[in-house]
């Protein structure tokens, strides 16, 4: 799915990128990085399509998603937390 189509689907649900990120417990920047690629990963596309359809049919998708315990995505990468990367854990 293209990023533009993704935004259109979110719009059907009355969401902007920030609201979607909060809903699925992701960092907004991680989703916004899809702009550079021009495409959205399929798992995010599926979620956007489903919430757009639910909203269009008058079903409150927030209530539906609140029934799922979504664990927040953990940051990844070597530079998390400190300049030069994280300290190695003691053994």
PDB file of N, CA and C in Angstrom:
ATOM      1  N   UNK A   1       0.853  -1.171   0.000  1.00  0.00           N
ATOM      2  CA  UNK A   1       0.000   0.000   0.000  1.00  0.00           C
ATOM      3  C   UNK A   1       0.899   1.234   0.000  1.00  0.00           C
ATOM      4  N   UNK A   2       0.528   2.215  -0.803  1.00  0.00           N
ATOM      5  CA  UNK A   2       1.318   3.441  -0.829  1.00  0.00           C
ATOM      6  C   UNK A   2       1.050   4.238   0.445  1.00  0.00           C
ATOM      7  N   UNK A   3       1.972   5.113   0.768  1.00  0.00           N
ATOM      8  CA  UNK A   3       1.814   5.940   1.962  1.00  0.00           C
ATOM      9  C   UNK A   3       0.589   6.849   1.822  1.00  0.00           C
ATOM     10  N   UNK A   4       0.355   7.358   0.611  1.00  0.00           N
ATOM     11  CA  UNK A   4      -0.806   8.227   0.388  1.00  0.00           C
ATOM     12  C   UNK A   4      -2.111   7.468   0.629  1.00  0.00           C
ATOM     13  N   UNK A   5      -2.191   6.233   0.138  1.00  0.00           N
ATOM     14  CA  UNK A   5      -3.390   5.428   0.365  1.00  0.00           C
ATOM     15  C   UNK A   5      -3.560   5.126   1.856  1.00  0.00           C
ATOM     16  N   UNK A   6      -2.447   4.871   2.530  1.00  0.00           N
ATOM     17  CA  UNK A   6      -2.468   4.628   3.973  1.00  0.00           C
ATOM     18  C   UNK A   6      -3.090   5.823   4.691  1.00  0.00           C
ATOM     19  N   UNK A   7      -2.655   7.027   4.342  1.00  0.00           N
ATOM     20  CA  UNK A   7      -3.198   8.234   4.961  1.00  0.00           C
ATOM     21  C   UNK A   7      -4.683   8.399   4.650  1.00  0.00           C
ATOM     22  N   UNK A   8      -5.105   8.038   3.445  1.00  0.00           N
ATOM     23  CA  UNK A   8      -6.514   8.116   3.093  1.00  0.00           C
ATOM     24  C   UNK A   8      -7.339   7.162   3.956  1.00  0.00           C
ATOM     25  N   UNK A   9      -6.824   5.957   4.167  1.00  0.00           N
ATOM     26  CA  UNK A   9      -7.528   4.974   5.003  1.00  0.00           C
ATOM     27  C   UNK A   9      -7.640   5.463   6.443  1.00  0.00           C
ATOM     28  N   UNK A  10      -6.562   6.059   6.939  1.00  0.00           N
ATOM     29  CA  UNK A  10      -6.609   6.613   8.294  1.00  0.00           C
ATOM     30  C   UNK A  10      -7.629   7.746   8.363  1.00  0.00           C
ATOM     31  N   UNK A  11      -7.678   8.538   7.312  1.00  0.00           N
ATOM     32  CA  UNK A  11      -8.632   9.638   7.255  1.00  0.00           C
ATOM     33  C   UNK A  11     -10.071   9.152   7.337  1.00  0.00           C
ATOM     34  N   UNK A  12     -10.369   7.996   6.721  1.00  0.00           N
ATOM     35  CA  UNK A  12     -11.717   7.419   6.807  1.00  0.00           C
ATOM     36  C   UNK A  12     -12.087   7.146   8.262  1.00  0.00           C
ATOM     37  N   UNK A  13     -11.076   6.829   9.062  1.00  0.00           N
ATOM     38  CA  UNK A  13     -11.305   6.528  10.473  1.00  0.00           C
ATOM     39  C   UNK A  13     -11.187   7.771  11.344  1.00  0.00           C
ATOM     40  N   UNK A  14     -10.927   8.916  10.717  1.00  0.00           N
ATOM     41  CA  UNK A  14     -10.785  10.154  11.477  1.00  0.00           C
ATOM     42  C   UNK A  14      -9.476  10.233  12.233  1.00  0.00           C
ATOM     43  N   UNK A  15      -8.468   9.532  11.726  1.00  0.00           N
ATOM     44  CA  UNK A  15      -7.163   9.499  12.399  1.00  0.00           C
ATOM     45  C   UNK A  15      -6.107  10.213  11.591  1.00  0.00           C
ATOM     46  N   UNK A  16      -5.160  10.750  12.304  1.00  0.00           N
ATOM     47  CA  UNK A  16      -3.920  11.245  11.708  1.00  0.00           C
ATOM     48  C   UNK A  16      -2.833  10.268  12.140  1.00  0.00           C
ATOM     49  N   UNK A  17      -1.643  10.477  11.649  1.00  0.00           N
ATOM     50  CA  UNK A  17      -0.531   9.569  11.923  1.00  0.00           C
ATOM     51  C   UNK A  17      -0.269   9.404  13.420  1.00  0.00           C
ATOM     52  N   UNK A  18      -0.278  10.500  14.153  1.00  0.00           N
ATOM     53  CA  UNK A  18      -0.019  10.455  15.600  1.00  0.00           C
ATOM     54  C   UNK A  18      -1.053   9.575  16.312  1.00  0.00           C
ATOM     55  N   UNK A  19      -2.315   9.758  15.969  1.00  0.00           N
ATOM     56  CA  UNK A  19      -3.374   8.972  16.589  1.00  0.00           C
ATOM     57  C   UNK A  19      -3.253   7.494  16.273  1.00  0.00           C
ATOM     58  N   UNK A  20      -2.898   7.184  15.028  1.00  0.00           N
ATOM     59  CA  UNK A  20      -2.698   5.783  14.634  1.00  0.00           C
ATOM     60  C   UNK A  20      -1.541   5.179  15.415  1.00  0.00           C
ATOM     61  N   UNK A  21      -0.437   5.912  15.512  1.00  0.00           N
ATOM     62  CA  UNK A  21       0.740   5.423  16.237  1.00  0.00           C
ATOM     63  C   UNK A  21       0.385   5.121  17.695  1.00  0.00           C
ATOM     64  N   UNK A  22      -0.371   6.000  18.321  1.00  0.00           N
ATOM     65  CA  UNK A  22      -0.772   5.784  19.710  1.00  0.00           C
ATOM     66  C   UNK A  22      -1.690   4.563  19.821  1.00  0.00           C
ATOM     67  N   UNK A  23      -2.572   4.408  18.859  1.00  0.00           N
ATOM     68  CA  UNK A  23      -3.527   3.306  18.866  1.00  0.00           C
ATOM     69  C   UNK A  23      -2.834   1.943  18.809  1.00  0.00           C
ATOM     70  N   UNK A  24      -1.792   1.849  17.986  1.00  0.00           N
ATOM     71  CA  UNK A  24      -1.084   0.569  17.826  1.00  0.00           C
ATOM     72  C   UNK A  24       0.215   0.513  18.642  1.00  0.00           C
ATOM     73  N   UNK A  25       0.406   1.514  19.505  1.00  0.00           N
ATOM     74  CA  UNK A  25       1.559   1.575  20.423  1.00  0.00           C
ATOM     75  C   UNK A  25       2.906   1.517  19.681  1.00  0.00           C
ATOM     76  N   UNK A  26       2.994   2.336  18.642  1.00  0.00           N
ATOM     77  CA  UNK A  26       4.236   2.449  17.888  1.00  0.00           C
ATOM     78  C   UNK A  26       4.736   3.887  17.954  1.00  0.00           C
ATOM     79  N   UNK A  27       6.013   4.047  17.694  1.00  0.00           N
ATOM     80  CA  UNK A  27       6.603   5.370  17.619  1.00  0.00           C
ATOM     81  C   UNK A  27       6.144   6.021  16.314  1.00  0.00           C
ATOM     82  N   UNK A  28       5.643   7.231  16.403  1.00  0.00           N
ATOM     83  CA  UNK A  28       5.173   7.959  15.221  1.00  0.00           C
ATOM     84  C   UNK A  28       6.264   8.063  14.164  1.00  0.00           C
ATOM     85  N   UNK A  29       7.489   8.269  14.594  1.00  0.00           N
ATOM     86  CA  UNK A  29       8.604   8.417  13.661  1.00  0.00           C
ATOM     87  C   UNK A  29       8.819   7.140  12.851  1.00  0.00           C
ATOM     88  N   UNK A  30       8.644   6.001  13.479  1.00  0.00           N
ATOM     89  CA  UNK A  30       8.810   4.728  12.769  1.00  0.00           C
ATOM     90  C   UNK A  30       7.827   4.621  11.612  1.00  0.00           C
ATOM     91  N   UNK A  31       6.603   5.070  11.851  1.00  0.00           N
ATOM     92  CA  UNK A  31       5.598   5.018  10.796  1.00  0.00           C
ATOM     93  C   UNK A  31       5.881   6.102   9.753  1.00  0.00           C
ATOM     94  N   UNK A  32       6.266   7.278  10.213  1.00  0.00           N
ATOM     95  CA  UNK A  32       6.543   8.380   9.296  1.00  0.00           C
ATOM     96  C   UNK A  32       7.711   8.046   8.358  1.00  0.00           C
ATOM     97  N   UNK A  33       8.632   7.207   8.805  1.00  0.00           N
ATOM     98  CA  UNK A  33       9.767   6.815   7.957  1.00  0.00           C
ATOM     99  C   UNK A  33       9.313   6.108   6.685  1.00  0.00           C
ATOM    100  N   UNK A  34       8.089   5.618   6.669  1.00  0.00           N
ATOM    101  CA  UNK A  34       7.542   4.977   5.471  1.00  0.00           C
ATOM    102  C   UNK A  34       7.392   5.977   4.331  1.00  0.00           C
ATOM    103  N   UNK A  35       7.323   7.260   4.655  1.00  0.00           N
ATOM    104  CA  UNK A  35       7.203   8.296   3.626  1.00  0.00           C
ATOM    105  C   UNK A  35       8.395   8.213   2.683  1.00  0.00           C
ATOM    106  N   UNK A  36       9.570   8.003   3.240  1.00  0.00           N
ATOM    107  CA  UNK A  36      10.786   7.926   2.428  1.00  0.00           C
ATOM    108  C   UNK A  36      10.714   6.789   1.421  1.00  0.00           C
ATOM    109  N   UNK A  37      10.134   5.669   1.844  1.00  0.00           N
ATOM    110  CA  UNK A  37      10.003   4.503   0.971  1.00  0.00           C
ATOM    111  C   UNK A  37       8.810   4.640   0.039  1.00  0.00           C
ATOM    112  N   UNK A  38       7.813   5.413   0.486  1.00  0.00           N
ATOM    113  CA  UNK A  38       6.607   5.576  -0.313  1.00  0.00           C
ATOM    114  C   UNK A  38       5.593   4.467  -0.111  1.00  0.00           C
ATOM    115  N   UNK A  39       5.952   3.457   0.669  1.00  0.00           N
ATOM    116  CA  UNK A  39       5.065   2.337   0.925  1.00  0.00           C
ATOM    117  C   UNK A  39       5.007   2.031   2.410  1.00  0.00           C
ATOM    118  N   UNK A  40       3.904   1.432   2.815  1.00  0.00           N
ATOM    119  CA  UNK A  40       3.685   1.076   4.209  1.00  0.00           C
ATOM    120  C   UNK A  40       3.774  -0.447   4.323  1.00  0.00           C
ATOM    121  N   UNK A  41       4.411  -0.970   5.377  1.00  0.00           N
ATOM    122  CA  UNK A  41       4.457  -2.422   5.562  1.00  0.00           C
ATOM    123  C   UNK A  41       3.050  -3.018   5.584  1.00  0.00           C
ATOM    124  N   UNK A  42       2.929  -4.237   5.108  1.00  0.00           N
ATOM    125  CA  UNK A  42       1.606  -4.844   4.943  1.00  0.00           C
ATOM    126  C   UNK A  42       0.831  -4.955   6.251  1.00  0.00           C
ATOM    127  N   UNK A  43       1.508  -5.186   7.377  1.00  0.00           N
ATOM    128  CA  UNK A  43       0.768  -5.310   8.636  1.00  0.00           C
ATOM    129  C   UNK A  43       0.110  -3.986   9.032  1.00  0.00           C
ATOM    130  N   UNK A  44       0.763  -2.869   8.749  1.00  0.00           N
ATOM    131  CA  UNK A  44       0.161  -1.569   9.039  1.00  0.00           C
ATOM    132  C   UNK A  44      -0.949  -1.253   8.037  1.00  0.00           C
ATOM    133  N   UNK A  45      -0.760  -1.683   6.795  1.00  0.00           N
ATOM    134  CA  UNK A  45      -1.792  -1.479   5.773  1.00  0.00           C
ATOM    135  C   UNK A  45      -3.066  -2.221   6.140  1.00  0.00           C
ATOM    136  N   UNK A  46      -2.931  -3.450   6.609  1.00  0.00           N
ATOM    137  CA  UNK A  46      -4.098  -4.244   6.991  1.00  0.00           C
ATOM    138  C   UNK A  46      -4.851  -3.558   8.134  1.00  0.00           C
ATOM    139  N   UNK A  47      -4.117  -3.082   9.127  1.00  0.00           N
ATOM    140  CA  UNK A  47      -4.749  -2.406  10.258  1.00  0.00           C
ATOM    141  C   UNK A  47      -5.485  -1.154   9.776  1.00  0.00           C
ATOM    142  N   UNK A  48      -4.844  -0.368   8.916  1.00  0.00           N
ATOM    143  CA  UNK A  48      -5.455   0.869   8.418  1.00  0.00           C
ATOM    144  C   UNK A  48      -6.735   0.576   7.631  1.00  0.00           C
ATOM    145  N   UNK A  49      -6.709  -0.458   6.794  1.00  0.00           N
ATOM    146  CA  UNK A  49      -7.889  -0.830   6.013  1.00  0.00           C
ATOM    147  C   UNK A  49      -9.019  -1.253   6.943  1.00  0.00           C
ATOM    148  N   UNK A  50      -8.697  -2.077   7.920  1.00  0.00           N
ATOM    149  CA  UNK A  50      -9.727  -2.583   8.823  1.00  0.00           C
ATOM    150  C   UNK A  50     -10.348  -1.473   9.678  1.00  0.00           C
ATOM    151  N   UNK A  51      -9.528  -0.593  10.224  1.00  0.00           N
ATOM    152  CA  UNK A  51     -10.118   0.462  11.054  1.00  0.00           C
ATOM    153  C   UNK A  51     -10.903   1.453  10.204  1.00  0.00           C
ATOM    154  N   UNK A  52     -10.461   1.672   8.973  1.00  0.00           N
ATOM    155  CA  UNK A  52     -11.206   2.535   8.064  1.00  0.00           C
ATOM    156  C   UNK A  52     -12.578   1.948   7.751  1.00  0.00           C
ATOM    157  N   UNK A  53     -12.621   0.656   7.487  1.00  0.00           N
ATOM    158  CA  UNK A  53     -13.888  -0.018   7.196  1.00  0.00           C
ATOM    159  C   UNK A  53     -14.801  -0.053   8.420  1.00  0.00           C
ATOM    160  N   UNK A  54     -14.227  -0.340   9.587  1.00  0.00           N
ATOM    161  CA  UNK A  54     -15.023  -0.345  10.812  1.00  0.00           C
ATOM    162  C   UNK A  54     -15.665   1.023  11.040  1.00  0.00           C
ATOM    163  N   UNK A  55     -14.860   2.071  10.892  1.00  0.00           N
ATOM    164  CA  UNK A  55     -15.368   3.427  11.103  1.00  0.00           C
ATOM    165  C   UNK A  55     -16.461   3.765  10.096  1.00  0.00           C
ATOM    166  N   UNK A  56     -16.261   3.367   8.858  1.00  0.00           N
ATOM    167  CA  UNK A  56     -17.234   3.645   7.815  1.00  0.00           C
ATOM    168  C   UNK A  56     -18.573   2.942   8.088  1.00  0.00           C
ATOM    169  N   UNK A  57     -18.516   1.816   8.774  1.00  0.00           N
ATOM    170  CA  UNK A  57     -19.729   1.050   9.100  1.00  0.00           C
ATOM    171  C   UNK A  57     -20.304   1.431  10.465  1.00  0.00           C
ATOM    172  N   UNK A  58     -19.718   2.463  11.080  1.00  0.00           N
ATOM    173  CA  UNK A  58     -20.242   2.965  12.338  1.00  0.00           C
ATOM    174  C   UNK A  58     -19.827   2.160  13.555  1.00  0.00           C
ATOM    175  N   UNK A  59     -18.780   1.357  13.411  1.00  0.00           N
ATOM    176  CA  UNK A  59     -18.271   0.549  14.521  1.00  0.00           C
ATOM    177  C   UNK A  59     -17.065   1.259  15.118  1.00  0.00           C
ATOM    178  N   UNK A  60     -17.082   1.454  16.418  1.00  0.00           N
ATOM    179  CA  UNK A  60     -15.984   2.145  17.091  1.00  0.00           C
ATOM    180  C   UNK A  60     -14.769   1.222  17.183  1.00  0.00           C
ATOM    181  N   UNK A  61     -13.804   1.445  16.301  1.00  0.00           N
ATOM    182  CA  UNK A  61     -12.612   0.590  16.240  1.00  0.00           C
ATOM    183  C   UNK A  61     -11.778   0.692  17.513  1.00  0.00           C
ATOM    184  N   UNK A  62     -11.868   1.822  18.217  1.00  0.00           N
ATOM    185  CA  UNK A  62     -11.091   1.968  19.455  1.00  0.00           C
ATOM    186  C   UNK A  62     -11.553   0.958  20.502  1.00  0.00           C
ATOM    187  N   UNK A  63     -12.852   0.757  20.597  1.00  0.00           N
ATOM    188  CA  UNK A  63     -13.394  -0.232  21.538  1.00  0.00           C
ATOM    189  C   UNK A  63     -12.898  -1.625  21.164  1.00  0.00           C
ATOM    190  N   UNK A  64     -12.923  -1.921  19.876  1.00  0.00           N
ATOM    191  CA  UNK A  64     -12.475  -3.235  19.400  1.00  0.00           C
ATOM    192  C   UNK A  64     -10.994  -3.431  19.710  1.00  0.00           C
ATOM    193  N   UNK A  65     -10.165  -2.444  19.398  1.00  0.00           N
ATOM    194  CA  UNK A  65      -8.728  -2.582  19.627  1.00  0.00           C
ATOM    195  C   UNK A  65      -8.365  -2.581  21.107  1.00  0.00           C
ATOM    196  N   UNK A  66      -9.181  -1.950  21.930  1.00  0.00           N
ATOM    197  CA  UNK A  66      -8.904  -1.947  23.366  1.00  0.00           C
ATOM    198  C   UNK A  66      -9.109  -3.308  24.011  1.00  0.00           C
ATOM    199  N   UNK A  67      -9.696  -4.243  23.275  1.00  0.00           N
ATOM    200  CA  UNK A  67      -9.844  -5.607  23.801  1.00  0.00           C
ATOM    201  C   UNK A  67      -8.556  -6.408  23.641  1.00  0.00           C
ATOM    202  N   UNK A  68      -7.601  -5.843  22.910  1.00  0.00           N
ATOM    203  CA  UNK A  68      -6.317  -6.509  22.665  1.00  0.00           C
ATOM    204  C   UNK A  68      -5.236  -5.835  23.498  1.00  0.00           C
ATOM    205  N   UNK A  69      -4.451  -6.635  24.196  1.00  0.00           N
ATOM    206  CA  UNK A  69      -3.335  -6.097  24.974  1.00  0.00           C
ATOM    207  C   UNK A  69      -2.147  -5.925  24.032  1.00  0.00           C
ATOM    208  N   UNK A  70      -1.970  -4.714  23.526  1.00  0.00           N
ATOM    209  CA  UNK A  70      -0.889  -4.431  22.582  1.00  0.00           C
ATOM    210  C   UNK A  70       0.328  -3.979  23.365  1.00  0.00           C
ATOM    211  N   UNK A  71       1.390  -4.754  23.265  1.00  0.00           N
ATOM    212  CA  UNK A  71       2.640  -4.382  23.925  1.00  0.00           C
ATOM    213  C   UNK A  71       3.325  -3.299  23.101  1.00  0.00           C
ATOM    214  N   UNK A  72       3.776  -2.213  23.744  1.00  0.00           N
ATOM    215  CA  UNK A  72       4.480  -1.165  23.002  1.00  0.00           C
ATOM    216  C   UNK A  72       5.722  -1.719  22.319  1.00  0.00           C
ATOM    217  N   UNK A  73       5.991  -1.235  21.108  1.00  0.00           N
ATOM    218  CA  UNK A  73       7.190  -1.652  20.393  1.00  0.00           C
ATOM    219  C   UNK A  73       8.405  -1.081  21.108  1.00  0.00           C
ATOM    220  N   UNK A  74       9.426  -1.921  21.255  1.00  0.00           N
ATOM    221  CA  UNK A  74      10.656  -1.471  21.895  1.00  0.00           C
ATOM    222  C   UNK A  74      11.560  -0.820  20.863  1.00  0.00           C
ATOM    223  N   UNK A  75      12.271   0.251  21.264  1.00  0.00           N
ATOM    224  CA  UNK A  75      13.216   0.863  20.329  1.00  0.00           C
ATOM    225  C   UNK A  75      14.317  -0.134  19.978  1.00  0.00           C
ATOM    226  N   UNK A  76      14.831  -0.006  18.784  1.00  0.00           N
ATOM    227  CA  UNK A  76      15.927  -0.884  18.407  1.00  0.00           C
ATOM    228  C   UNK A  76      17.031  -0.057  17.776  1.00  0.00           C
ATOM    229  N   UNK A  77      18.195  -0.629  17.712  1.00  0.00           N
ATOM    230  CA  UNK A  77      19.327   0.076  17.141  1.00  0.00           C
ATOM    231  C   UNK A  77      20.423   0.254  18.165  1.00  0.00           C
ATOM    232  N   UNK A  78      21.624   0.442  17.679  1.00  0.00           N
ATOM    233  CA  UNK A  78      22.796   0.519  18.552  1.00  0.00           C
ATOM    234  C   UNK A  78      22.842   1.800  19.366  1.00  0.00           C
ATOM    235  N   UNK A  79      22.279   2.875  18.876  1.00  0.00           N
ATOM    236  CA  UNK A  79      22.412   4.158  19.556  1.00  0.00           C
ATOM    237  C   UNK A  79      21.297   4.480  20.527  1.00  0.00           C
ATOM    238  N   UNK A  80      20.551   3.492  20.943  1.00  0.00           N
ATOM    239  CA  UNK A  80      19.425   3.731  21.833  1.00  0.00           C
ATOM    240  C   UNK A  80      19.928   4.211  23.193  1.00  0.00           C
ATOM    241  N   UNK A  81      19.458   5.344  23.623  1.00  0.00           N
ATOM    242  CA  UNK A  81      19.723   5.808  24.979  1.00  0.00           C
ATOM    243  C   UNK A  81      20.967   6.635  25.181  1.00  0.00           C
ATOM    244  N   UNK A  82      22.037   6.362  24.497  1.00  0.00           N
ATOM    245  CA  UNK A  82      23.289   7.088  24.726  1.00  0.00           C
ATOM    246  C   UNK A  82      24.037   7.276  23.414  1.00  0.00           C
ATOM    247  N   UNK A  83      24.786   8.345  23.372  1.00  0.00           N
ATOM    248  CA  UNK A  83      25.643   8.558  22.224  1.00  0.00           C
ATOM    249  C   UNK A  83      26.690   7.456  22.200  1.00  0.00           C
ATOM    250  N   UNK A  84      26.852   6.815  21.088  1.00  0.00           N
ATOM    251  CA  UNK A  84      27.849   5.747  20.968  1.00  0.00           C
ATOM    252  C   UNK A  84      27.299   4.376  21.297  1.00  0.00           C
ATOM    253  N   UNK A  85      26.009   4.279  21.545  1.00  0.00           N
ATOM    254  CA  UNK A  85      25.407   2.981  21.798  1.00  0.00           C
ATOM    255  C   UNK A  85      25.236   2.688  23.262  1.00  0.00           C
ATOM    256  N   UNK A  86      24.592   1.594  23.534  1.00  0.00           N
ATOM    257  CA  UNK A  86      24.336   1.179  24.899  1.00  0.00           C
ATOM    258  C   UNK A  86      25.548   0.439  25.456  1.00  0.00           C
ATOM    259  N   UNK A  87      25.702   0.496  26.780  1.00  0.00           N
ATOM    260  CA  UNK A  87      26.792  -0.238  27.412  1.00  0.00           C
ATOM    261  C   UNK A  87      26.451  -1.714  27.395  1.00  0.00           C
ATOM    262  N   UNK A  88      27.462  -2.558  27.207  1.00  0.00           N
ATOM    263  CA  UNK A  88      27.188  -3.991  27.254  1.00  0.00           C
ATOM    264  C   UNK A  88      26.773  -4.399  28.661  1.00  0.00           C
ATOM    265  N   UNK A  89      25.871  -5.383  28.727  1.00  0.00           N
ATOM    266  CA  UNK A  89      25.434  -5.871  30.022  1.00  0.00           C
ATOM    267  C   UNK A  89      26.521  -6.711  30.670  1.00  0.00           C
ATOM    268  N   UNK A  90      26.615  -6.634  32.013  1.00  0.00           N
ATOM    269  CA  UNK A  90      27.590  -7.437  32.735  1.00  0.00           C
ATOM    270  C   UNK A  90      27.158  -8.886  32.742  1.00  0.00           C
ATOM    271  N   UNK A  91      28.128  -9.772  32.715  1.00  0.00           N
ATOM    272  CA  UNK A  91      27.817 -11.197  32.743  1.00  0.00           C
ATOM    273  C   UNK A  91      27.841 -11.719  34.137  1.00  0.00           C
TER     274      UNK A  91
END
